[in-house]
Amino acid sequence: GFASALTYDFEVYSAAQKRWLEVSS
């Protein structure tokens, strides 16, 4: 992100879609 020096993103696994969804930065 423009203002960030360091960011950790959290992703949870969506089993029916079989993909990862970002839920937090």
PDBML (XML) file of the C-alpha atoms, coordinates in Angstrom:
<?xml version="1.0" encoding="UTF-8" ?>
<PDBx:datablock datablockName="MODEL"
   xmlns:PDBx="http://pdbml.pdb.org/schema/pdbx-v50.xsd"
   xmlns:xsi="http://www.w3.org/2001/XMLSchema-instance"
   xsi:schemaLocation="http://pdbml.pdb.org/schema/pdbx-v50.xsd pdbx-v50.xsd">
   <PDBx:atom_siteCategory>
      <PDBx:atom_site id="1">
         <PDBx:B_iso_or_equiv>0.00</PDBx:B_iso_or_equiv>
         <PDBx:Cartn_x>0.000</PDBx:Cartn_x>
         <PDBx:Cartn_y>0.000</PDBx:Cartn_y>
         <PDBx:Cartn_z>0.000</PDBx:Cartn_z>
         <PDBx:auth_asym_id>A</PDBx:auth_asym_id>
         <PDBx:auth_atom_id>CA</PDBx:auth_atom_id>
         <PDBx:auth_comp_id>GLY</PDBx:auth_comp_id>
         <PDBx:auth_seq_id>1</PDBx:auth_seq_id>
         <PDBx:group_PDB>ATOM</PDBx:group_PDB>
         <PDBx:label_alt_id xsi:nil="true" />
         <PDBx:label_asym_id>A</PDBx:label_asym_id>
         <PDBx:label_atom_id>CA</PDBx:label_atom_id>
         <PDBx:label_comp_id>GLY</PDBx:label_comp_id>
         <PDBx:label_entity_id>1</PDBx:label_entity_id>
         <PDBx:label_seq_id>1</PDBx:label_seq_id>
         <PDBx:occupancy>1.00</PDBx:occupancy>
         <PDBx:pdbx_PDB_model_num>1</PDBx:pdbx_PDB_model_num>
         <PDBx:type_symbol>C</PDBx:type_symbol>
      </PDBx:atom_site>
      <PDBx:atom_site id="2">
         <PDBx:B_iso_or_equiv>0.00</PDBx:B_iso_or_equiv>
         <PDBx:Cartn_x>0.998</PDBx:Cartn_x>
         <PDBx:Cartn_y>3.606</PDBx:Cartn_y>
         <PDBx:Cartn_z>-0.698</PDBx:Cartn_z>
         <PDBx:auth_asym_id>A</PDBx:auth_asym_id>
         <PDBx:auth_atom_id>CA</PDBx:auth_atom_id>
         <PDBx:auth_comp_id>PHE</PDBx:auth_comp_id>
         <PDBx:auth_seq_id>2</PDBx:auth_seq_id>
         <PDBx:group_PDB>ATOM</PDBx:group_PDB>
         <PDBx:label_alt_id xsi:nil="true" />
         <PDBx:label_asym_id>A</PDBx:label_asym_id>
         <PDBx:label_atom_id>CA</PDBx:label_atom_id>
         <PDBx:label_comp_id>PHE</PDBx:label_comp_id>
         <PDBx:label_entity_id>1</PDBx:label_entity_id>
         <PDBx:label_seq_id>2</PDBx:label_seq_id>
         <PDBx:occupancy>1.00</PDBx:occupancy>
         <PDBx:pdbx_PDB_model_num>1</PDBx:pdbx_PDB_model_num>
         <PDBx:type_symbol>C</PDBx:type_symbol>
      </PDBx:atom_site>
      <PDBx:atom_site id="3">
         <PDBx:B_iso_or_equiv>0.00</PDBx:B_iso_or_equiv>
         <PDBx:Cartn_x>1.327</PDBx:Cartn_x>
         <PDBx:Cartn_y>4.585</PDBx:Cartn_y>
         <PDBx:Cartn_z>2.983</PDBx:Cartn_z>
         <PDBx:auth_asym_id>A</PDBx:auth_asym_id>
         <PDBx:auth_atom_id>CA</PDBx:auth_atom_id>
         <PDBx:auth_comp_id>ALA</PDBx:auth_comp_id>
         <PDBx:auth_seq_id>3</PDBx:auth_seq_id>
         <PDBx:group_PDB>ATOM</PDBx:group_PDB>
         <PDBx:label_alt_id xsi:nil="true" />
         <PDBx:label_asym_id>A</PDBx:label_asym_id>
         <PDBx:label_atom_id>CA</PDBx:label_atom_id>
         <PDBx:label_comp_id>ALA</PDBx:label_comp_id>
         <PDBx:label_entity_id>1</PDBx:label_entity_id>
         <PDBx:label_seq_id>3</PDBx:label_seq_id>
         <PDBx:occupancy>1.00</PDBx:occupancy>
         <PDBx:pdbx_PDB_model_num>1</PDBx:pdbx_PDB_model_num>
         <PDBx:type_symbol>C</PDBx:type_symbol>
      </PDBx:atom_site>
      <PDBx:atom_site id="4">
         <PDBx:B_iso_or_equiv>0.00</PDBx:B_iso_or_equiv>
         <PDBx:Cartn_x>2.725</PDBx:Cartn_x>
         <PDBx:Cartn_y>1.326</PDBx:Cartn_y>
         <PDBx:Cartn_z>4.366</PDBx:Cartn_z>
         <PDBx:auth_asym_id>A</PDBx:auth_asym_id>
         <PDBx:auth_atom_id>CA</PDBx:auth_atom_id>
         <PDBx:auth_comp_id>SER</PDBx:auth_comp_id>
         <PDBx:auth_seq_id>4</PDBx:auth_seq_id>
         <PDBx:group_PDB>ATOM</PDBx:group_PDB>
         <PDBx:label_alt_id xsi:nil="true" />
         <PDBx:label_asym_id>A</PDBx:label_asym_id>
         <PDBx:label_atom_id>CA</PDBx:label_atom_id>
         <PDBx:label_comp_id>SER</PDBx:label_comp_id>
         <PDBx:label_entity_id>1</PDBx:label_entity_id>
         <PDBx:label_seq_id>4</PDBx:label_seq_id>
         <PDBx:occupancy>1.00</PDBx:occupancy>
         <PDBx:pdbx_PDB_model_num>1</PDBx:pdbx_PDB_model_num>
         <PDBx:type_symbol>C</PDBx:type_symbol>
      </PDBx:atom_site>
      <PDBx:atom_site id="5">
         <PDBx:B_iso_or_equiv>0.00</PDBx:B_iso_or_equiv>
         <PDBx:Cartn_x>6.319</PDBx:Cartn_x>
         <PDBx:Cartn_y>0.436</PDBx:Cartn_y>
         <PDBx:Cartn_z>5.168</PDBx:Cartn_z>
         <PDBx:auth_asym_id>A</PDBx:auth_asym_id>
         <PDBx:auth_atom_id>CA</PDBx:auth_atom_id>
         <PDBx:auth_comp_id>ALA</PDBx:auth_comp_id>
         <PDBx:auth_seq_id>5</PDBx:auth_seq_id>
         <PDBx:group_PDB>ATOM</PDBx:group_PDB>
         <PDBx:label_alt_id xsi:nil="true" />
         <PDBx:label_asym_id>A</PDBx:label_asym_id>
         <PDBx:label_atom_id>CA</PDBx:label_atom_id>
         <PDBx:label_comp_id>ALA</PDBx:label_comp_id>
         <PDBx:label_entity_id>1</PDBx:label_entity_id>
         <PDBx:label_seq_id>5</PDBx:label_seq_id>
         <PDBx:occupancy>1.00</PDBx:occupancy>
         <PDBx:pdbx_PDB_model_num>1</PDBx:pdbx_PDB_model_num>
         <PDBx:type_symbol>C</PDBx:type_symbol>
      </PDBx:atom_site>
      <PDBx:atom_site id="6">
         <PDBx:B_iso_or_equiv>0.00</PDBx:B_iso_or_equiv>
         <PDBx:Cartn_x>5.489</PDBx:Cartn_x>
         <PDBx:Cartn_y>-3.236</PDBx:Cartn_y>
         <PDBx:Cartn_z>5.812</PDBx:Cartn_z>
         <PDBx:auth_asym_id>A</PDBx:auth_asym_id>
         <PDBx:auth_atom_id>CA</PDBx:auth_atom_id>
         <PDBx:auth_comp_id>LEU</PDBx:auth_comp_id>
         <PDBx:auth_seq_id>6</PDBx:auth_seq_id>
         <PDBx:group_PDB>ATOM</PDBx:group_PDB>
         <PDBx:label_alt_id xsi:nil="true" />
         <PDBx:label_asym_id>A</PDBx:label_asym_id>
         <PDBx:label_atom_id>CA</PDBx:label_atom_id>
         <PDBx:label_comp_id>LEU</PDBx:label_comp_id>
         <PDBx:label_entity_id>1</PDBx:label_entity_id>
         <PDBx:label_seq_id>6</PDBx:label_seq_id>
         <PDBx:occupancy>1.00</PDBx:occupancy>
         <PDBx:pdbx_PDB_model_num>1</PDBx:pdbx_PDB_model_num>
         <PDBx:type_symbol>C</PDBx:type_symbol>
      </PDBx:atom_site>
      <PDBx:atom_site id="7">
         <PDBx:B_iso_or_equiv>0.00</PDBx:B_iso_or_equiv>
         <PDBx:Cartn_x>2.200</PDBx:Cartn_x>
         <PDBx:Cartn_y>-5.124</PDBx:Cartn_y>
         <PDBx:Cartn_z>5.456</PDBx:Cartn_z>
         <PDBx:auth_asym_id>A</PDBx:auth_asym_id>
         <PDBx:auth_atom_id>CA</PDBx:auth_atom_id>
         <PDBx:auth_comp_id>THR</PDBx:auth_comp_id>
         <PDBx:auth_seq_id>7</PDBx:auth_seq_id>
         <PDBx:group_PDB>ATOM</PDBx:group_PDB>
         <PDBx:label_alt_id xsi:nil="true" />
         <PDBx:label_asym_id>A</PDBx:label_asym_id>
         <PDBx:label_atom_id>CA</PDBx:label_atom_id>
         <PDBx:label_comp_id>THR</PDBx:label_comp_id>
         <PDBx:label_entity_id>1</PDBx:label_entity_id>
         <PDBx:label_seq_id>7</PDBx:label_seq_id>
         <PDBx:occupancy>1.00</PDBx:occupancy>
         <PDBx:pdbx_PDB_model_num>1</PDBx:pdbx_PDB_model_num>
         <PDBx:type_symbol>C</PDBx:type_symbol>
      </PDBx:atom_site>
      <PDBx:atom_site id="8">
         <PDBx:B_iso_or_equiv>0.00</PDBx:B_iso_or_equiv>
         <PDBx:Cartn_x>1.132</PDBx:Cartn_x>
         <PDBx:Cartn_y>-8.664</PDBx:Cartn_y>
         <PDBx:Cartn_z>6.294</PDBx:Cartn_z>
         <PDBx:auth_asym_id>A</PDBx:auth_asym_id>
         <PDBx:auth_atom_id>CA</PDBx:auth_atom_id>
         <PDBx:auth_comp_id>TYR</PDBx:auth_comp_id>
         <PDBx:auth_seq_id>8</PDBx:auth_seq_id>
         <PDBx:group_PDB>ATOM</PDBx:group_PDB>
         <PDBx:label_alt_id xsi:nil="true" />
         <PDBx:label_asym_id>A</PDBx:label_asym_id>
         <PDBx:label_atom_id>CA</PDBx:label_atom_id>
         <PDBx:label_comp_id>TYR</PDBx:label_comp_id>
         <PDBx:label_entity_id>1</PDBx:label_entity_id>
         <PDBx:label_seq_id>8</PDBx:label_seq_id>
         <PDBx:occupancy>1.00</PDBx:occupancy>
         <PDBx:pdbx_PDB_model_num>1</PDBx:pdbx_PDB_model_num>
         <PDBx:type_symbol>C</PDBx:type_symbol>
      </PDBx:atom_site>
      <PDBx:atom_site id="9">
         <PDBx:B_iso_or_equiv>0.00</PDBx:B_iso_or_equiv>
         <PDBx:Cartn_x>-2.010</PDBx:Cartn_x>
         <PDBx:Cartn_y>-9.924</PDBx:Cartn_y>
         <PDBx:Cartn_z>4.569</PDBx:Cartn_z>
         <PDBx:auth_asym_id>A</PDBx:auth_asym_id>
         <PDBx:auth_atom_id>CA</PDBx:auth_atom_id>
         <PDBx:auth_comp_id>ASP</PDBx:auth_comp_id>
         <PDBx:auth_seq_id>9</PDBx:auth_seq_id>
         <PDBx:group_PDB>ATOM</PDBx:group_PDB>
         <PDBx:label_alt_id xsi:nil="true" />
         <PDBx:label_asym_id>A</PDBx:label_asym_id>
         <PDBx:label_atom_id>CA</PDBx:label_atom_id>
         <PDBx:label_comp_id>ASP</PDBx:label_comp_id>
         <PDBx:label_entity_id>1</PDBx:label_entity_id>
         <PDBx:label_seq_id>9</PDBx:label_seq_id>
         <PDBx:occupancy>1.00</PDBx:occupancy>
         <PDBx:pdbx_PDB_model_num>1</PDBx:pdbx_PDB_model_num>
         <PDBx:type_symbol>C</PDBx:type_symbol>
      </PDBx:atom_site>
      <PDBx:atom_site id="10">
         <PDBx:B_iso_or_equiv>0.00</PDBx:B_iso_or_equiv>
         <PDBx:Cartn_x>-4.116</PDBx:Cartn_x>
         <PDBx:Cartn_y>-12.767</PDBx:Cartn_y>
         <PDBx:Cartn_z>5.972</PDBx:Cartn_z>
         <PDBx:auth_asym_id>A</PDBx:auth_asym_id>
         <PDBx:auth_atom_id>CA</PDBx:auth_atom_id>
         <PDBx:auth_comp_id>PHE</PDBx:auth_comp_id>
         <PDBx:auth_seq_id>10</PDBx:auth_seq_id>
         <PDBx:group_PDB>ATOM</PDBx:group_PDB>
         <PDBx:label_alt_id xsi:nil="true" />
         <PDBx:label_asym_id>A</PDBx:label_asym_id>
         <PDBx:label_atom_id>CA</PDBx:label_atom_id>
         <PDBx:label_comp_id>PHE</PDBx:label_comp_id>
         <PDBx:label_entity_id>1</PDBx:label_entity_id>
         <PDBx:label_seq_id>10</PDBx:label_seq_id>
         <PDBx:occupancy>1.00</PDBx:occupancy>
         <PDBx:pdbx_PDB_model_num>1</PDBx:pdbx_PDB_model_num>
         <PDBx:type_symbol>C</PDBx:type_symbol>
      </PDBx:atom_site>
      <PDBx:atom_site id="11">
         <PDBx:B_iso_or_equiv>0.00</PDBx:B_iso_or_equiv>
         <PDBx:Cartn_x>-5.930</PDBx:Cartn_x>
         <PDBx:Cartn_y>-15.083</PDBx:Cartn_y>
         <PDBx:Cartn_z>3.593</PDBx:Cartn_z>
         <PDBx:auth_asym_id>A</PDBx:auth_asym_id>
         <PDBx:auth_atom_id>CA</PDBx:auth_atom_id>
         <PDBx:auth_comp_id>GLU</PDBx:auth_comp_id>
         <PDBx:auth_seq_id>11</PDBx:auth_seq_id>
         <PDBx:group_PDB>ATOM</PDBx:group_PDB>
         <PDBx:label_alt_id xsi:nil="true" />
         <PDBx:label_asym_id>A</PDBx:label_asym_id>
         <PDBx:label_atom_id>CA</PDBx:label_atom_id>
         <PDBx:label_comp_id>GLU</PDBx:label_comp_id>
         <PDBx:label_entity_id>1</PDBx:label_entity_id>
         <PDBx:label_seq_id>11</PDBx:label_seq_id>
         <PDBx:occupancy>1.00</PDBx:occupancy>
         <PDBx:pdbx_PDB_model_num>1</PDBx:pdbx_PDB_model_num>
         <PDBx:type_symbol>C</PDBx:type_symbol>
      </PDBx:atom_site>
      <PDBx:atom_site id="12">
         <PDBx:B_iso_or_equiv>0.00</PDBx:B_iso_or_equiv>
         <PDBx:Cartn_x>-8.455</PDBx:Cartn_x>
         <PDBx:Cartn_y>-17.770</PDBx:Cartn_y>
         <PDBx:Cartn_z>4.522</PDBx:Cartn_z>
         <PDBx:auth_asym_id>A</PDBx:auth_asym_id>
         <PDBx:auth_atom_id>CA</PDBx:auth_atom_id>
         <PDBx:auth_comp_id>VAL</PDBx:auth_comp_id>
         <PDBx:auth_seq_id>12</PDBx:auth_seq_id>
         <PDBx:group_PDB>ATOM</PDBx:group_PDB>
         <PDBx:label_alt_id xsi:nil="true" />
         <PDBx:label_asym_id>A</PDBx:label_asym_id>
         <PDBx:label_atom_id>CA</PDBx:label_atom_id>
         <PDBx:label_comp_id>VAL</PDBx:label_comp_id>
         <PDBx:label_entity_id>1</PDBx:label_entity_id>
         <PDBx:label_seq_id>12</PDBx:label_seq_id>
         <PDBx:occupancy>1.00</PDBx:occupancy>
         <PDBx:pdbx_PDB_model_num>1</PDBx:pdbx_PDB_model_num>
         <PDBx:type_symbol>C</PDBx:type_symbol>
      </PDBx:atom_site>
      <PDBx:atom_site id="13">
         <PDBx:B_iso_or_equiv>0.00</PDBx:B_iso_or_equiv>
         <PDBx:Cartn_x>-9.202</PDBx:Cartn_x>
         <PDBx:Cartn_y>-20.784</PDBx:Cartn_y>
         <PDBx:Cartn_z>2.383</PDBx:Cartn_z>
         <PDBx:auth_asym_id>A</PDBx:auth_asym_id>
         <PDBx:auth_atom_id>CA</PDBx:auth_atom_id>
         <PDBx:auth_comp_id>TYR</PDBx:auth_comp_id>
         <PDBx:auth_seq_id>13</PDBx:auth_seq_id>
         <PDBx:group_PDB>ATOM</PDBx:group_PDB>
         <PDBx:label_alt_id xsi:nil="true" />
         <PDBx:label_asym_id>A</PDBx:label_asym_id>
         <PDBx:label_atom_id>CA</PDBx:label_atom_id>
         <PDBx:label_comp_id>TYR</PDBx:label_comp_id>
         <PDBx:label_entity_id>1</PDBx:label_entity_id>
         <PDBx:label_seq_id>13</PDBx:label_seq_id>
         <PDBx:occupancy>1.00</PDBx:occupancy>
         <PDBx:pdbx_PDB_model_num>1</PDBx:pdbx_PDB_model_num>
         <PDBx:type_symbol>C</PDBx:type_symbol>
      </PDBx:atom_site>
      <PDBx:atom_site id="14">
         <PDBx:B_iso_or_equiv>0.00</PDBx:B_iso_or_equiv>
         <PDBx:Cartn_x>-12.656</PDBx:Cartn_x>
         <PDBx:Cartn_y>-20.942</PDBx:Cartn_y>
         <PDBx:Cartn_z>0.825</PDBx:Cartn_z>
         <PDBx:auth_asym_id>A</PDBx:auth_asym_id>
         <PDBx:auth_atom_id>CA</PDBx:auth_atom_id>
         <PDBx:auth_comp_id>SER</PDBx:auth_comp_id>
         <PDBx:auth_seq_id>14</PDBx:auth_seq_id>
         <PDBx:group_PDB>ATOM</PDBx:group_PDB>
         <PDBx:label_alt_id xsi:nil="true" />
         <PDBx:label_asym_id>A</PDBx:label_asym_id>
         <PDBx:label_atom_id>CA</PDBx:label_atom_id>
         <PDBx:label_comp_id>SER</PDBx:label_comp_id>
         <PDBx:label_entity_id>1</PDBx:label_entity_id>
         <PDBx:label_seq_id>14</PDBx:label_seq_id>
         <PDBx:occupancy>1.00</PDBx:occupancy>
         <PDBx:pdbx_PDB_model_num>1</PDBx:pdbx_PDB_model_num>
         <PDBx:type_symbol>C</PDBx:type_symbol>
      </PDBx:atom_site>
      <PDBx:atom_site id="15">
         <PDBx:B_iso_or_equiv>0.00</PDBx:B_iso_or_equiv>
         <PDBx:Cartn_x>-13.287</PDBx:Cartn_x>
         <PDBx:Cartn_y>-24.656</PDBx:Cartn_y>
         <PDBx:Cartn_z>0.378</PDBx:Cartn_z>
         <PDBx:auth_asym_id>A</PDBx:auth_asym_id>
         <PDBx:auth_atom_id>CA</PDBx:auth_atom_id>
         <PDBx:auth_comp_id>ALA</PDBx:auth_comp_id>
         <PDBx:auth_seq_id>15</PDBx:auth_seq_id>
         <PDBx:group_PDB>ATOM</PDBx:group_PDB>
         <PDBx:label_alt_id xsi:nil="true" />
         <PDBx:label_asym_id>A</PDBx:label_asym_id>
         <PDBx:label_atom_id>CA</PDBx:label_atom_id>
         <PDBx:label_comp_id>ALA</PDBx:label_comp_id>
         <PDBx:label_entity_id>1</PDBx:label_entity_id>
         <PDBx:label_seq_id>15</PDBx:label_seq_id>
         <PDBx:occupancy>1.00</PDBx:occupancy>
         <PDBx:pdbx_PDB_model_num>1</PDBx:pdbx_PDB_model_num>
         <PDBx:type_symbol>C</PDBx:type_symbol>
      </PDBx:atom_site>
      <PDBx:atom_site id="16">
         <PDBx:B_iso_or_equiv>0.00</PDBx:B_iso_or_equiv>
         <PDBx:Cartn_x>-16.277</PDBx:Cartn_x>
         <PDBx:Cartn_y>-24.479</PDBx:Cartn_y>
         <PDBx:Cartn_z>-1.978</PDBx:Cartn_z>
         <PDBx:auth_asym_id>A</PDBx:auth_asym_id>
         <PDBx:auth_atom_id>CA</PDBx:auth_atom_id>
         <PDBx:auth_comp_id>ALA</PDBx:auth_comp_id>
         <PDBx:auth_seq_id>16</PDBx:auth_seq_id>
         <PDBx:group_PDB>ATOM</PDBx:group_PDB>
         <PDBx:label_alt_id xsi:nil="true" />
         <PDBx:label_asym_id>A</PDBx:label_asym_id>
         <PDBx:label_atom_id>CA</PDBx:label_atom_id>
         <PDBx:label_comp_id>ALA</PDBx:label_comp_id>
         <PDBx:label_entity_id>1</PDBx:label_entity_id>
         <PDBx:label_seq_id>16</PDBx:label_seq_id>
         <PDBx:occupancy>1.00</PDBx:occupancy>
         <PDBx:pdbx_PDB_model_num>1</PDBx:pdbx_PDB_model_num>
         <PDBx:type_symbol>C</PDBx:type_symbol>
      </PDBx:atom_site>
      <PDBx:atom_site id="17">
         <PDBx:B_iso_or_equiv>0.00</PDBx:B_iso_or_equiv>
         <PDBx:Cartn_x>-14.581</PDBx:Cartn_x>
         <PDBx:Cartn_y>-21.942</PDBx:Cartn_y>
         <PDBx:Cartn_z>-4.267</PDBx:Cartn_z>
         <PDBx:auth_asym_id>A</PDBx:auth_asym_id>
         <PDBx:auth_atom_id>CA</PDBx:auth_atom_id>
         <PDBx:auth_comp_id>GLN</PDBx:auth_comp_id>
         <PDBx:auth_seq_id>17</PDBx:auth_seq_id>
         <PDBx:group_PDB>ATOM</PDBx:group_PDB>
         <PDBx:label_alt_id xsi:nil="true" />
         <PDBx:label_asym_id>A</PDBx:label_asym_id>
         <PDBx:label_atom_id>CA</PDBx:label_atom_id>
         <PDBx:label_comp_id>GLN</PDBx:label_comp_id>
         <PDBx:label_entity_id>1</PDBx:label_entity_id>
         <PDBx:label_seq_id>17</PDBx:label_seq_id>
         <PDBx:occupancy>1.00</PDBx:occupancy>
         <PDBx:pdbx_PDB_model_num>1</PDBx:pdbx_PDB_model_num>
         <PDBx:type_symbol>C</PDBx:type_symbol>
      </PDBx:atom_site>
      <PDBx:atom_site id="18">
         <PDBx:B_iso_or_equiv>0.00</PDBx:B_iso_or_equiv>
         <PDBx:Cartn_x>-11.194</PDBx:Cartn_x>
         <PDBx:Cartn_y>-23.629</PDBx:Cartn_y>
         <PDBx:Cartn_z>-3.815</PDBx:Cartn_z>
         <PDBx:auth_asym_id>A</PDBx:auth_asym_id>
         <PDBx:auth_atom_id>CA</PDBx:auth_atom_id>
         <PDBx:auth_comp_id>LYS</PDBx:auth_comp_id>
         <PDBx:auth_seq_id>18</PDBx:auth_seq_id>
         <PDBx:group_PDB>ATOM</PDBx:group_PDB>
         <PDBx:label_alt_id xsi:nil="true" />
         <PDBx:label_asym_id>A</PDBx:label_asym_id>
         <PDBx:label_atom_id>CA</PDBx:label_atom_id>
         <PDBx:label_comp_id>LYS</PDBx:label_comp_id>
         <PDBx:label_entity_id>1</PDBx:label_entity_id>
         <PDBx:label_seq_id>18</PDBx:label_seq_id>
         <PDBx:occupancy>1.00</PDBx:occupancy>
         <PDBx:pdbx_PDB_model_num>1</PDBx:pdbx_PDB_model_num>
         <PDBx:type_symbol>C</PDBx:type_symbol>
      </PDBx:atom_site>
      <PDBx:atom_site id="19">
         <PDBx:B_iso_or_equiv>0.00</PDBx:B_iso_or_equiv>
         <PDBx:Cartn_x>-9.439</PDBx:Cartn_x>
         <PDBx:Cartn_y>-20.293</PDBx:Cartn_y>
         <PDBx:Cartn_z>-3.523</PDBx:Cartn_z>
         <PDBx:auth_asym_id>A</PDBx:auth_asym_id>
         <PDBx:auth_atom_id>CA</PDBx:auth_atom_id>
         <PDBx:auth_comp_id>ARG</PDBx:auth_comp_id>
         <PDBx:auth_seq_id>19</PDBx:auth_seq_id>
         <PDBx:group_PDB>ATOM</PDBx:group_PDB>
         <PDBx:label_alt_id xsi:nil="true" />
         <PDBx:label_asym_id>A</PDBx:label_asym_id>
         <PDBx:label_atom_id>CA</PDBx:label_atom_id>
         <PDBx:label_comp_id>ARG</PDBx:label_comp_id>
         <PDBx:label_entity_id>1</PDBx:label_entity_id>
         <PDBx:label_seq_id>19</PDBx:label_seq_id>
         <PDBx:occupancy>1.00</PDBx:occupancy>
         <PDBx:pdbx_PDB_model_num>1</PDBx:pdbx_PDB_model_num>
         <PDBx:type_symbol>C</PDBx:type_symbol>
      </PDBx:atom_site>
      <PDBx:atom_site id="20">
         <PDBx:B_iso_or_equiv>0.00</PDBx:B_iso_or_equiv>
         <PDBx:Cartn_x>-7.842</PDBx:Cartn_x>
         <PDBx:Cartn_y>-17.991</PDBx:Cartn_y>
         <PDBx:Cartn_z>-0.958</PDBx:Cartn_z>
         <PDBx:auth_asym_id>A</PDBx:auth_asym_id>
         <PDBx:auth_atom_id>CA</PDBx:auth_atom_id>
         <PDBx:auth_comp_id>TRP</PDBx:auth_comp_id>
         <PDBx:auth_seq_id>20</PDBx:auth_seq_id>
         <PDBx:group_PDB>ATOM</PDBx:group_PDB>
         <PDBx:label_alt_id xsi:nil="true" />
         <PDBx:label_asym_id>A</PDBx:label_asym_id>
         <PDBx:label_atom_id>CA</PDBx:label_atom_id>
         <PDBx:label_comp_id>TRP</PDBx:label_comp_id>
         <PDBx:label_entity_id>1</PDBx:label_entity_id>
         <PDBx:label_seq_id>20</PDBx:label_seq_id>
         <PDBx:occupancy>1.00</PDBx:occupancy>
         <PDBx:pdbx_PDB_model_num>1</PDBx:pdbx_PDB_model_num>
         <PDBx:type_symbol>C</PDBx:type_symbol>
      </PDBx:atom_site>
      <PDBx:atom_site id="21">
         <PDBx:B_iso_or_equiv>0.00</PDBx:B_iso_or_equiv>
         <PDBx:Cartn_x>-9.706</PDBx:Cartn_x>
         <PDBx:Cartn_y>-14.888</PDBx:Cartn_y>
         <PDBx:Cartn_z>0.227</PDBx:Cartn_z>
         <PDBx:auth_asym_id>A</PDBx:auth_asym_id>
         <PDBx:auth_atom_id>CA</PDBx:auth_atom_id>
         <PDBx:auth_comp_id>LEU</PDBx:auth_comp_id>
         <PDBx:auth_seq_id>21</PDBx:auth_seq_id>
         <PDBx:group_PDB>ATOM</PDBx:group_PDB>
         <PDBx:label_alt_id xsi:nil="true" />
         <PDBx:label_asym_id>A</PDBx:label_asym_id>
         <PDBx:label_atom_id>CA</PDBx:label_atom_id>
         <PDBx:label_comp_id>LEU</PDBx:label_comp_id>
         <PDBx:label_entity_id>1</PDBx:label_entity_id>
         <PDBx:label_seq_id>21</PDBx:label_seq_id>
         <PDBx:occupancy>1.00</PDBx:occupancy>
         <PDBx:pdbx_PDB_model_num>1</PDBx:pdbx_PDB_model_num>
         <PDBx:type_symbol>C</PDBx:type_symbol>
      </PDBx:atom_site>
      <PDBx:atom_site id="22">
         <PDBx:B_iso_or_equiv>0.00</PDBx:B_iso_or_equiv>
         <PDBx:Cartn_x>-7.948</PDBx:Cartn_x>
         <PDBx:Cartn_y>-11.904</PDBx:Cartn_y>
         <PDBx:Cartn_z>1.773</PDBx:Cartn_z>
         <PDBx:auth_asym_id>A</PDBx:auth_asym_id>
         <PDBx:auth_atom_id>CA</PDBx:auth_atom_id>
         <PDBx:auth_comp_id>GLU</PDBx:auth_comp_id>
         <PDBx:auth_seq_id>22</PDBx:auth_seq_id>
         <PDBx:group_PDB>ATOM</PDBx:group_PDB>
         <PDBx:label_alt_id xsi:nil="true" />
         <PDBx:label_asym_id>A</PDBx:label_asym_id>
         <PDBx:label_atom_id>CA</PDBx:label_atom_id>
         <PDBx:label_comp_id>GLU</PDBx:label_comp_id>
         <PDBx:label_entity_id>1</PDBx:label_entity_id>
         <PDBx:label_seq_id>22</PDBx:label_seq_id>
         <PDBx:occupancy>1.00</PDBx:occupancy>
         <PDBx:pdbx_PDB_model_num>1</PDBx:pdbx_PDB_model_num>
         <PDBx:type_symbol>C</PDBx:type_symbol>
      </PDBx:atom_site>
      <PDBx:atom_site id="23">
         <PDBx:B_iso_or_equiv>0.00</PDBx:B_iso_or_equiv>
         <PDBx:Cartn_x>-9.543</PDBx:Cartn_x>
         <PDBx:Cartn_y>-11.019</PDBx:Cartn_y>
         <PDBx:Cartn_z>5.125</PDBx:Cartn_z>
         <PDBx:auth_asym_id>A</PDBx:auth_asym_id>
         <PDBx:auth_atom_id>CA</PDBx:auth_atom_id>
         <PDBx:auth_comp_id>VAL</PDBx:auth_comp_id>
         <PDBx:auth_seq_id>23</PDBx:auth_seq_id>
         <PDBx:group_PDB>ATOM</PDBx:group_PDB>
         <PDBx:label_alt_id xsi:nil="true" />
         <PDBx:label_asym_id>A</PDBx:label_asym_id>
         <PDBx:label_atom_id>CA</PDBx:label_atom_id>
         <PDBx:label_comp_id>VAL</PDBx:label_comp_id>
         <PDBx:label_entity_id>1</PDBx:label_entity_id>
         <PDBx:label_seq_id>23</PDBx:label_seq_id>
         <PDBx:occupancy>1.00</PDBx:occupancy>
         <PDBx:pdbx_PDB_model_num>1</PDBx:pdbx_PDB_model_num>
         <PDBx:type_symbol>C</PDBx:type_symbol>
      </PDBx:atom_site>
      <PDBx:atom_site id="24">
         <PDBx:B_iso_or_equiv>0.00</PDBx:B_iso_or_equiv>
         <PDBx:Cartn_x>-7.008</PDBx:Cartn_x>
         <PDBx:Cartn_y>-8.758</PDBx:Cartn_y>
         <PDBx:Cartn_z>6.848</PDBx:Cartn_z>
         <PDBx:auth_asym_id>A</PDBx:auth_asym_id>
         <PDBx:auth_atom_id>CA</PDBx:auth_atom_id>
         <PDBx:auth_comp_id>SER</PDBx:auth_comp_id>
         <PDBx:auth_seq_id>24</PDBx:auth_seq_id>
         <PDBx:group_PDB>ATOM</PDBx:group_PDB>
         <PDBx:label_alt_id xsi:nil="true" />
         <PDBx:label_asym_id>A</PDBx:label_asym_id>
         <PDBx:label_atom_id>CA</PDBx:label_atom_id>
         <PDBx:label_comp_id>SER</PDBx:label_comp_id>
         <PDBx:label_entity_id>1</PDBx:label_entity_id>
         <PDBx:label_seq_id>24</PDBx:label_seq_id>
         <PDBx:occupancy>1.00</PDBx:occupancy>
         <PDBx:pdbx_PDB_model_num>1</PDBx:pdbx_PDB_model_num>
         <PDBx:type_symbol>C</PDBx:type_symbol>
      </PDBx:atom_site>
      <PDBx:atom_site id="25">
         <PDBx:B_iso_or_equiv>0.00</PDBx:B_iso_or_equiv>
         <PDBx:Cartn_x>-4.075</PDBx:Cartn_x>
         <PDBx:Cartn_y>-6.418</PDBx:Cartn_y>
         <PDBx:Cartn_z>6.302</PDBx:Cartn_z>
         <PDBx:auth_asym_id>A</PDBx:auth_asym_id>
         <PDBx:auth_atom_id>CA</PDBx:auth_atom_id>
         <PDBx:auth_comp_id>SER</PDBx:auth_comp_id>
         <PDBx:auth_seq_id>25</PDBx:auth_seq_id>
         <PDBx:group_PDB>ATOM</PDBx:group_PDB>
         <PDBx:label_alt_id xsi:nil="true" />
         <PDBx:label_asym_id>A</PDBx:label_asym_id>
         <PDBx:label_atom_id>CA</PDBx:label_atom_id>
         <PDBx:label_comp_id>SER</PDBx:label_comp_id>
         <PDBx:label_entity_id>1</PDBx:label_entity_id>
         <PDBx:label_seq_id>25</PDBx:label_seq_id>
         <PDBx:occupancy>1.00</PDBx:occupancy>
         <PDBx:pdbx_PDB_model_num>1</PDBx:pdbx_PDB_model_num>
         <PDBx:type_symbol>C</PDBx:type_symbol>
      </PDBx:atom_site>
   </PDBx:atom_siteCategory>
</PDBx:datablock>
